[in-house]
């Protein structure tokens, strides 16, 4: 955060995950004369998130991504370009997602409340299209 590239600001993705981490981060930033001025909460229903995550498929060697509903390959389970099999990441299963969501609701959701009390949270509707969410992010960050 002290690098020249961070002088106009920086983004922390997935951190802090607990209120204790948020408090420690705020203490550290305060010592540097800085503070968290925006927290983007990408709000989405758990069921929609499950559909999005469990439908993802990847071509390992190229990184091409597909989705069974939103961007399916021409042939299910097969990369459009090479014809090689697609894989699903180990953490893109319903069981793993359920565990991750439980941890999120238990540990990370309170962080949103912590920063709401400081007036720093911008609620974004993550169920919208990527283009619409990107526009919302740009609007929030430019205000």
C-alpha atoms as a PDB file:
ATOM      1  CA  UNK A   1       0.000   0.000   0.000  1.00  0.00           C
ATOM      2  CA  UNK A   2       3.039   2.262   0.288  1.00  0.00           C
ATOM      3  CA  UNK A   3       4.035   1.688  -3.345  1.00  0.00           C
ATOM      4  CA  UNK A   4       3.641   4.592  -5.760  1.00  0.00           C
ATOM      5  CA  UNK A   5       1.031   2.640  -7.707  1.00  0.00           C
ATOM      6  CA  UNK A   6      -1.230   2.741  -4.632  1.00  0.00           C
ATOM      7  CA  UNK A   7      -0.998   6.480  -3.982  1.00  0.00           C
ATOM      8  CA  UNK A   8      -4.403   7.154  -5.585  1.00  0.00           C
ATOM      9  CA  UNK A   9      -5.969   4.129  -3.946  1.00  0.00           C
ATOM     10  CA  UNK A  10      -5.967   0.362  -3.829  1.00  0.00           C
ATOM     11  CA  UNK A  11      -8.373  -2.553  -3.862  1.00  0.00           C
ATOM     12  CA  UNK A  12      -8.442  -5.351  -1.328  1.00  0.00           C
ATOM     13  CA  UNK A  13     -10.248  -8.386  -2.730  1.00  0.00           C
ATOM     14  CA  UNK A  14     -11.556 -10.827  -0.136  1.00  0.00           C
ATOM     15  CA  UNK A  15      -9.912  -9.069   2.795  1.00  0.00           C
ATOM     16  CA  UNK A  16     -10.727  -8.445   5.571  1.00  0.00           C
ATOM     17  CA  UNK A  17     -12.799 -11.566   6.188  1.00  0.00           C
ATOM     18  CA  UNK A  18     -13.521 -11.039   9.879  1.00  0.00           C
ATOM     19  CA  UNK A  19     -14.396  -8.032  12.030  1.00  0.00           C
ATOM     20  CA  UNK A  20     -11.146  -8.479  13.986  1.00  0.00           C
ATOM     21  CA  UNK A  21      -9.190  -8.254  10.705  1.00  0.00           C
ATOM     22  CA  UNK A  22     -11.203  -5.147   9.731  1.00  0.00           C
ATOM     23  CA  UNK A  23     -10.433  -3.484  13.048  1.00  0.00           C
ATOM     24  CA  UNK A  24      -6.711  -4.286  12.748  1.00  0.00           C
ATOM     25  CA  UNK A  25      -6.679  -3.016   9.148  1.00  0.00           C
ATOM     26  CA  UNK A  26      -8.355   0.221  10.206  1.00  0.00           C
ATOM     27  CA  UNK A  27      -5.817   0.668  13.026  1.00  0.00           C
ATOM     28  CA  UNK A  28      -2.922   0.102  10.627  1.00  0.00           C
ATOM     29  CA  UNK A  29      -4.334   2.503   8.040  1.00  0.00           C
ATOM     30  CA  UNK A  30      -5.063   5.148  10.668  1.00  0.00           C
ATOM     31  CA  UNK A  31      -1.393   5.095  11.691  1.00  0.00           C
ATOM     32  CA  UNK A  32      -0.568   5.864   8.049  1.00  0.00           C
ATOM     33  CA  UNK A  33      -3.149   8.636   7.837  1.00  0.00           C
ATOM     34  CA  UNK A  34      -5.425   6.577   5.582  1.00  0.00           C
ATOM     35  CA  UNK A  35      -8.797   4.859   5.872  1.00  0.00           C
ATOM     36  CA  UNK A  36     -11.129   2.562   3.998  1.00  0.00           C
ATOM     37  CA  UNK A  37     -13.433   4.883   2.097  1.00  0.00           C
ATOM     38  CA  UNK A  38     -15.440   2.356   0.056  1.00  0.00           C
ATOM     39  CA  UNK A  39     -16.477  -1.228   0.613  1.00  0.00           C
ATOM     40  CA  UNK A  40     -18.184  -2.858  -2.347  1.00  0.00           C
ATOM     41  CA  UNK A  41     -20.723  -5.454  -1.281  1.00  0.00           C
ATOM     42  CA  UNK A  42     -21.571  -7.623  -4.277  1.00  0.00           C
ATOM     43  CA  UNK A  43     -24.934  -8.811  -2.974  1.00  0.00           C
ATOM     44  CA  UNK A  44     -26.433 -11.901  -4.598  1.00  0.00           C
ATOM     45  CA  UNK A  45     -28.861 -14.589  -3.535  1.00  0.00           C
ATOM     46  CA  UNK A  46     -27.128 -17.836  -2.539  1.00  0.00           C
ATOM     47  CA  UNK A  47     -29.201 -19.854  -5.047  1.00  0.00           C
ATOM     48  CA  UNK A  48     -28.156 -17.625  -7.960  1.00  0.00           C
ATOM     49  CA  UNK A  49     -24.551 -17.832  -6.838  1.00  0.00           C
ATOM     50  CA  UNK A  50     -24.770 -21.624  -6.704  1.00  0.00           C
ATOM     51  CA  UNK A  51     -26.126 -21.752 -10.247  1.00  0.00           C
ATOM     52  CA  UNK A  52     -23.319 -19.518 -11.499  1.00  0.00           C
ATOM     53  CA  UNK A  53     -20.499 -21.306  -9.720  1.00  0.00           C
ATOM     54  CA  UNK A  54     -21.534 -24.917 -10.191  1.00  0.00           C
ATOM     55  CA  UNK A  55     -22.112 -24.321 -13.911  1.00  0.00           C
ATOM     56  CA  UNK A  56     -18.523 -23.170 -14.593  1.00  0.00           C
ATOM     57  CA  UNK A  57     -16.270 -25.341 -16.745  1.00  0.00           C
ATOM     58  CA  UNK A  58     -12.669 -24.625 -17.759  1.00  0.00           C
ATOM     59  CA  UNK A  59     -10.310 -25.716 -20.508  1.00  0.00           C
ATOM     60  CA  UNK A  60      -7.170 -26.218 -18.394  1.00  0.00           C
ATOM     61  CA  UNK A  61      -4.416 -25.525 -20.919  1.00  0.00           C
ATOM     62  CA  UNK A  62      -5.911 -22.337 -22.405  1.00  0.00           C
ATOM     63  CA  UNK A  63      -7.939 -21.024 -19.471  1.00  0.00           C
ATOM     64  CA  UNK A  64     -11.040 -20.681 -21.663  1.00  0.00           C
ATOM     65  CA  UNK A  65     -14.159 -20.703 -19.529  1.00  0.00           C
ATOM     66  CA  UNK A  66     -17.645 -21.934 -20.237  1.00  0.00           C
ATOM     67  CA  UNK A  67     -20.893 -22.070 -18.340  1.00  0.00           C
ATOM     68  CA  UNK A  68     -23.547 -24.736 -18.803  1.00  0.00           C
ATOM     69  CA  UNK A  69     -26.313 -22.107 -18.914  1.00  0.00           C
ATOM     70  CA  UNK A  70     -24.770 -18.758 -19.838  1.00  0.00           C
ATOM     71  CA  UNK A  71     -21.901 -19.671 -22.194  1.00  0.00           C
ATOM     72  CA  UNK A  72     -22.112 -23.383 -22.998  1.00  0.00           C
ATOM     73  CA  UNK A  73     -19.605 -25.149 -25.223  1.00  0.00           C
ATOM     74  CA  UNK A  74     -20.918 -26.403 -28.568  1.00  0.00           C
ATOM     75  CA  UNK A  75     -20.547 -29.971 -27.277  1.00  0.00           C
ATOM     76  CA  UNK A  76     -21.118 -30.470 -23.531  1.00  0.00           C
ATOM     77  CA  UNK A  77     -17.880 -31.107 -21.644  1.00  0.00           C
ATOM     78  CA  UNK A  78     -15.653 -30.390 -24.669  1.00  0.00           C
ATOM     79  CA  UNK A  79     -13.579 -27.296 -25.526  1.00  0.00           C
ATOM     80  CA  UNK A  80     -14.858 -25.572 -28.687  1.00  0.00           C
ATOM     81  CA  UNK A  81     -11.364 -24.924 -30.071  1.00  0.00           C
ATOM     82  CA  UNK A  82      -9.347 -28.047 -29.297  1.00  0.00           C
ATOM     83  CA  UNK A  83     -11.993 -30.701 -28.646  1.00  0.00           C
ATOM     84  CA  UNK A  84     -10.231 -31.508 -25.385  1.00  0.00           C
ATOM     85  CA  UNK A  85     -12.217 -32.272 -22.230  1.00  0.00           C
ATOM     86  CA  UNK A  86     -13.289 -29.464 -19.917  1.00  0.00           C
ATOM     87  CA  UNK A  87     -12.831 -29.661 -16.161  1.00  0.00           C
ATOM     88  CA  UNK A  88     -14.660 -28.243 -13.198  1.00  0.00           C
ATOM     89  CA  UNK A  89     -12.583 -26.757 -10.406  1.00  0.00           C
ATOM     90  CA  UNK A  90     -12.688 -28.757  -7.186  1.00  0.00           C
ATOM     91  CA  UNK A  91     -14.124 -25.769  -5.318  1.00  0.00           C
ATOM     92  CA  UNK A  92     -16.926 -25.220  -7.871  1.00  0.00           C
ATOM     93  CA  UNK A  93     -19.145 -27.961  -6.448  1.00  0.00           C
ATOM     94  CA  UNK A  94     -22.372 -27.432  -4.504  1.00  0.00           C
ATOM     95  CA  UNK A  95     -20.905 -29.068  -1.374  1.00  0.00           C
ATOM     96  CA  UNK A  96     -17.803 -26.863  -1.300  1.00  0.00           C
ATOM     97  CA  UNK A  97     -19.851 -23.758  -2.094  1.00  0.00           C
ATOM     98  CA  UNK A  98     -22.252 -24.552   0.777  1.00  0.00           C
ATOM     99  CA  UNK A  99     -19.323 -24.707   3.183  1.00  0.00           C
ATOM    100  CA  UNK A 100     -17.833 -21.466   1.812  1.00  0.00           C
ATOM    101  CA  UNK A 101     -21.181 -19.673   2.052  1.00  0.00           C
ATOM    102  CA  UNK A 102     -21.669 -20.826   5.643  1.00  0.00           C
ATOM    103  CA  UNK A 103     -18.242 -19.396   6.505  1.00  0.00           C
ATOM    104  CA  UNK A 104     -19.080 -16.189   4.633  1.00  0.00           C
ATOM    105  CA  UNK A 105     -22.369 -15.679   6.454  1.00  0.00           C
ATOM    106  CA  UNK A 106     -20.801 -16.475   9.831  1.00  0.00           C
ATOM    107  CA  UNK A 107     -17.505 -14.555   9.530  1.00  0.00           C
ATOM    108  CA  UNK A 108     -17.577 -12.100   6.637  1.00  0.00           C
ATOM    109  CA  UNK A 109     -21.130 -10.738   6.622  1.00  0.00           C
ATOM    110  CA  UNK A 110     -20.463  -9.022   9.979  1.00  0.00           C
ATOM    111  CA  UNK A 111     -17.600  -7.130   8.258  1.00  0.00           C
ATOM    112  CA  UNK A 112     -20.193  -5.549   5.966  1.00  0.00           C
ATOM    113  CA  UNK A 113     -22.113  -4.424   9.049  1.00  0.00           C
ATOM    114  CA  UNK A 114     -18.918  -3.058  10.594  1.00  0.00           C
ATOM    115  CA  UNK A 115     -18.224  -0.894   7.539  1.00  0.00           C
ATOM    116  CA  UNK A 116     -21.922   0.044   7.121  1.00  0.00           C
ATOM    117  CA  UNK A 117     -21.718   1.633  10.564  1.00  0.00           C
ATOM    118  CA  UNK A 118     -18.862   3.748   9.196  1.00  0.00           C
ATOM    119  CA  UNK A 119     -20.887   4.738   6.109  1.00  0.00           C
ATOM    120  CA  UNK A 120     -18.450   3.076   3.721  1.00  0.00           C
ATOM    121  CA  UNK A 121     -20.560   0.317   2.115  1.00  0.00           C
ATOM    122  CA  UNK A 122     -21.873   0.498  -1.427  1.00  0.00           C
ATOM    123  CA  UNK A 123     -24.431  -2.209  -2.153  1.00  0.00           C
ATOM    124  CA  UNK A 124     -24.051  -3.642  -5.658  1.00  0.00           C
ATOM    125  CA  UNK A 125     -26.594  -5.952  -7.252  1.00  0.00           C
ATOM    126  CA  UNK A 126     -24.384  -8.805  -8.408  1.00  0.00           C
ATOM    127  CA  UNK A 127     -27.231 -10.779  -9.967  1.00  0.00           C
ATOM    128  CA  UNK A 128     -27.158  -8.339 -12.896  1.00  0.00           C
ATOM    129  CA  UNK A 129     -25.116  -8.897 -16.041  1.00  0.00           C
ATOM    130  CA  UNK A 130     -21.334  -8.394 -15.845  1.00  0.00           C
ATOM    131  CA  UNK A 131     -21.678  -5.245 -17.967  1.00  0.00           C
ATOM    132  CA  UNK A 132     -24.277  -3.770 -15.591  1.00  0.00           C
ATOM    133  CA  UNK A 133     -22.247  -4.677 -12.494  1.00  0.00           C
ATOM    134  CA  UNK A 134     -19.131  -3.122 -14.037  1.00  0.00           C
ATOM    135  CA  UNK A 135     -21.074   0.090 -14.688  1.00  0.00           C
ATOM    136  CA  UNK A 136     -22.271   0.106 -11.055  1.00  0.00           C
ATOM    137  CA  UNK A 137     -18.692  -0.380  -9.799  1.00  0.00           C
ATOM    138  CA  UNK A 138     -17.404   2.463 -11.982  1.00  0.00           C
ATOM    139  CA  UNK A 139     -20.197   4.740 -10.779  1.00  0.00           C
ATOM    140  CA  UNK A 140     -19.508   3.976  -7.119  1.00  0.00           C
ATOM    141  CA  UNK A 141     -15.743   4.379  -7.456  1.00  0.00           C
ATOM    142  CA  UNK A 142     -16.008   7.673  -9.308  1.00  0.00           C
ATOM    143  CA  UNK A 143     -18.366   9.260  -6.750  1.00  0.00           C
END
